[in-house]
Amino acid sequence: MRLAVFCGAAAGNQPVYAEAARLTANEIAKRNIELVYGGGHVGLMGILADATLEAGGSVIGVIPESLKARELAHQGLTQLHVVRDMHERKALMADLSDGFIALPGGAGTMEEIFETWTWGILGYHRKPCAFFNVAGYFDLLAQFIAHMEQQAFLEPSYRNMLIIDSQIQSLINNLMTYQPPEIKWS
């Protein structure tokens, strides 16, 4: 199994975020799951990759040429795919992965997990999407997603496609037992 993890190119201002990246890495490596991530050596991405490698795990990075050229690529990965742009990056990460986890991050992290969730809603894949809700980081987002449902912009079955959990062990357990809903507009 391979899991894509989207997370910040910054480490954030709370030590708990780096610790969550390490916990995620250790759980992934312990379960012999391969990590697919954005290929960088900075921020939570770098912490996640380093900790997975240190725990004996396999790490596949996918990075656009422009970011590699800025010396942001991690040089010690199991595999590093260099692609043309962000569109190719996301497509390859999706193809390589059996599920997706968002750790704390910024606009890029949100864009990546929301795009994969949207692809699932539209039936382009049948893979689970999850938020590791570290120290309540995604609480307000979860409230907004519930608001989308309350305002009839999101069907309950598509809201339920998202796994939001504050414990990495149960989050990964839920990813591994995920059953997708019916495909929209089938």
Protein backbone atom coordinates (compact mmCIF):
# COMPACT_ATOMS: atom_id res chain seq x y z
CA MET A 1 0.00 0.00 0.00
CA ARG A 2 1.06 3.57 -0.68
CA LEU A 3 -0.27 6.68 1.01
CA ALA A 4 0.21 10.22 -0.24
CA VAL A 5 0.71 12.77 2.50
CA PHE A 6 0.17 16.47 1.82
CA CYS A 7 1.72 18.84 4.35
CA GLY A 8 3.42 22.15 4.82
CA ALA A 9 6.72 23.26 3.33
CA ALA A 10 6.93 25.16 6.62
CA ALA A 11 7.04 23.54 10.05
CA GLY A 12 4.44 25.84 11.63
CA ASN A 13 4.83 27.60 14.95
CA GLN A 14 3.91 24.71 17.26
CA PRO A 15 6.27 21.78 18.01
CA VAL A 16 3.26 19.45 17.93
CA TYR A 17 3.13 19.74 14.11
CA ALA A 18 6.64 18.35 13.67
CA GLU A 19 5.85 15.64 16.21
CA ALA A 20 2.73 14.72 14.21
CA ALA A 21 4.83 14.40 11.05
CA ARG A 22 7.18 12.04 12.93
CA LEU A 23 4.23 10.02 14.31
CA THR A 24 2.81 9.71 10.82
CA ALA A 25 6.18 8.60 9.46
CA ASN A 26 6.65 6.00 12.17
CA GLU A 27 3.15 4.58 11.71
CA ILE A 28 3.58 4.41 7.94
CA ALA A 29 6.97 2.69 8.21
CA LYS A 30 5.77 0.30 10.95
CA ARG A 31 2.92 -0.87 8.68
CA ASN A 32 5.22 -1.26 5.63
CA ILE A 33 3.26 1.40 3.78
CA GLU A 34 5.17 3.41 1.20
CA LEU A 35 5.05 7.18 1.59
CA VAL A 36 4.33 9.35 -1.45
CA TYR A 37 4.82 13.06 -0.85
CA GLY A 38 5.85 16.32 -2.51
CA GLY A 39 9.58 15.57 -2.67
CA GLY A 40 10.86 18.52 -0.61
CA HIS A 41 13.39 18.60 2.20
CA VAL A 42 11.92 21.64 3.99
CA GLY A 43 9.21 22.08 6.63
CA LEU A 44 6.89 19.26 7.61
CA MET A 45 7.61 17.62 4.25
CA GLY A 46 11.28 17.22 5.12
CA ILE A 47 10.55 16.07 8.66
CA LEU A 48 8.06 13.50 7.36
CA ALA A 49 10.45 12.13 4.73
CA ASP A 50 13.46 12.01 7.06
CA ALA A 51 11.51 10.30 9.85
CA THR A 52 10.06 7.72 7.45
CA LEU A 53 13.52 6.91 6.10
CA GLU A 54 14.98 6.77 9.63
CA ALA A 55 12.25 4.28 10.59
CA GLY A 56 13.21 2.07 7.64
CA GLY A 57 10.35 3.09 5.37
CA SER A 58 10.22 3.70 1.64
CA VAL A 59 9.71 7.29 0.44
CA ILE A 60 8.67 8.35 -3.06
CA GLY A 61 8.93 12.06 -3.79
CA VAL A 62 7.27 13.91 -6.67
CA ILE A 63 8.57 17.42 -7.32
CA PRO A 64 8.17 19.90 -10.20
CA GLU A 65 11.31 20.95 -12.09
CA SER A 66 10.99 24.55 -10.89
CA LEU A 67 11.09 23.52 -7.22
CA LYS A 68 13.93 21.09 -7.78
CA ALA A 69 15.86 23.88 -9.49
CA ARG A 70 15.49 25.99 -6.32
CA GLU A 71 17.31 23.23 -4.42
CA LEU A 72 14.21 22.20 -2.50
CA ALA A 73 14.32 18.52 -3.56
CA HIS A 74 15.19 15.92 -0.94
CA GLN A 75 18.31 14.08 -2.11
CA GLY A 76 18.04 10.94 0.03
CA LEU A 77 14.71 9.42 -1.04
CA THR A 78 13.97 5.89 -2.18
CA GLN A 79 12.69 7.41 -5.45
CA LEU A 80 12.37 10.97 -6.71
CA HIS A 81 10.19 11.77 -9.70
CA VAL A 82 10.82 15.15 -11.31
CA VAL A 83 7.80 16.37 -13.28
CA ARG A 84 7.06 19.40 -15.42
CA ASP A 85 4.60 21.26 -13.18
CA MET A 86 2.18 21.08 -10.26
CA HIS A 87 -0.56 19.53 -12.39
CA GLU A 88 1.70 16.60 -13.28
CA ARG A 89 2.83 16.36 -9.67
CA LYS A 90 -0.70 15.95 -8.34
CA ALA A 91 -1.69 13.53 -11.09
CA LEU A 92 1.35 11.31 -10.51
CA MET A 93 0.92 11.40 -6.73
CA ALA A 94 -2.71 10.34 -7.20
CA ASP A 95 -1.75 7.54 -9.58
CA LEU A 96 0.95 6.25 -7.24
CA SER A 97 -1.22 6.32 -4.11
CA ASP A 98 -3.97 4.23 -2.56
CA GLY A 99 -5.15 7.01 -0.23
CA PHE A 100 -4.42 10.55 0.89
CA ILE A 101 -3.69 12.25 4.21
CA ALA A 102 -3.44 15.98 4.90
CA LEU A 103 -1.27 17.08 7.80
CA PRO A 104 -1.22 20.74 8.86
CA GLY A 105 -0.17 23.02 6.05
CA GLY A 106 -1.12 26.08 4.08
CA ALA A 107 -2.90 26.86 0.83
CA GLY A 108 -1.00 24.22 -1.17
CA THR A 109 -1.88 21.47 1.28
CA MET A 110 -5.54 22.49 1.23
CA GLU A 111 -5.61 22.69 -2.56
CA GLU A 112 -4.06 19.23 -2.93
CA ILE A 113 -6.36 17.41 -0.50
CA PHE A 114 -9.46 19.23 -1.76
CA GLU A 115 -8.64 18.36 -5.35
CA THR A 116 -8.20 14.67 -4.53
CA TRP A 117 -11.45 14.73 -2.53
CA THR A 118 -13.22 16.36 -5.49
CA TRP A 119 -11.81 13.71 -7.84
CA GLY A 120 -13.26 11.07 -5.50
CA ILE A 121 -16.68 12.77 -5.46
CA LEU A 122 -16.69 12.84 -9.26
CA GLY A 123 -15.65 9.20 -9.49
CA TYR A 124 -12.17 9.69 -10.96
CA HIS A 125 -10.87 7.48 -8.16
CA ARG A 126 -12.30 5.46 -5.27
CA LYS A 127 -9.55 6.26 -2.75
CA PRO A 128 -9.95 7.64 0.78
CA CYS A 129 -9.01 11.17 1.85
CA ALA A 130 -8.16 12.07 5.43
CA PHE A 131 -7.20 14.96 7.66
CA PHE A 132 -4.85 14.28 10.59
CA ASN A 133 -6.42 16.79 12.97
CA VAL A 134 -3.33 17.64 14.99
CA ALA A 135 -4.13 19.77 18.06
CA GLY A 136 -7.46 20.80 16.51
CA TYR A 137 -5.77 22.27 13.40
CA PHE A 138 -8.67 21.24 11.14
CA ASP A 139 -11.55 21.91 13.59
CA LEU A 140 -12.74 25.07 11.82
CA LEU A 141 -12.43 23.37 8.43
CA ALA A 142 -14.56 20.46 9.67
CA GLN A 143 -17.16 22.98 10.85
CA PHE A 144 -17.13 24.65 7.44
CA ILE A 145 -17.53 21.31 5.65
CA ALA A 146 -20.54 20.61 7.89
CA HIS A 147 -21.85 24.07 6.93
CA MET A 148 -21.49 23.18 3.23
CA GLU A 149 -23.68 20.13 3.88
CA GLN A 150 -26.22 22.15 5.93
CA GLN A 151 -26.54 24.62 3.05
CA ALA A 152 -27.13 21.76 0.55
CA PHE A 153 -23.88 22.28 -1.38
CA LEU A 154 -22.51 18.91 -0.27
CA GLU A 155 -24.31 15.59 0.01
CA PRO A 156 -23.84 13.73 3.31
CA SER A 157 -22.28 10.73 1.56
CA TYR A 158 -19.56 12.98 0.11
CA ARG A 159 -18.94 14.67 3.44
CA ASN A 160 -18.57 11.21 4.92
CA MET A 161 -15.87 10.41 2.34
CA LEU A 162 -13.51 12.46 4.49
CA ILE A 163 -11.83 10.89 7.48
CA ILE A 164 -11.00 13.46 10.13
CA ASP A 165 -9.15 12.01 13.09
CA SER A 166 -6.78 13.25 15.80
CA GLN A 167 -5.07 9.84 16.19
CA ILE A 168 -2.82 8.61 13.39
CA GLN A 169 -3.31 4.92 14.19
CA SER A 170 -7.10 5.02 13.89
CA LEU A 171 -6.87 7.38 10.91
CA ILE A 172 -4.76 4.86 8.99
CA ASN A 173 -7.01 1.99 10.15
CA ASN A 174 -9.97 3.89 8.69
CA LEU A 175 -8.09 4.52 5.44
CA MET A 176 -7.38 0.81 5.12
CA THR A 177 -11.03 -0.20 5.65
CA TYR A 178 -12.57 2.66 3.63
CA GLN A 179 -15.66 1.90 1.55
CA PRO A 180 -16.41 4.61 -1.03
CA PRO A 181 -19.96 5.89 -1.63
CA GLU A 182 -21.81 5.55 -4.88
CA ILE A 183 -20.35 7.55 -7.74
CA LYS A 184 -21.99 10.93 -8.30
CA TRP A 185 -23.99 11.17 -11.54
CA SER A 186 -23.47 7.51 -12.44
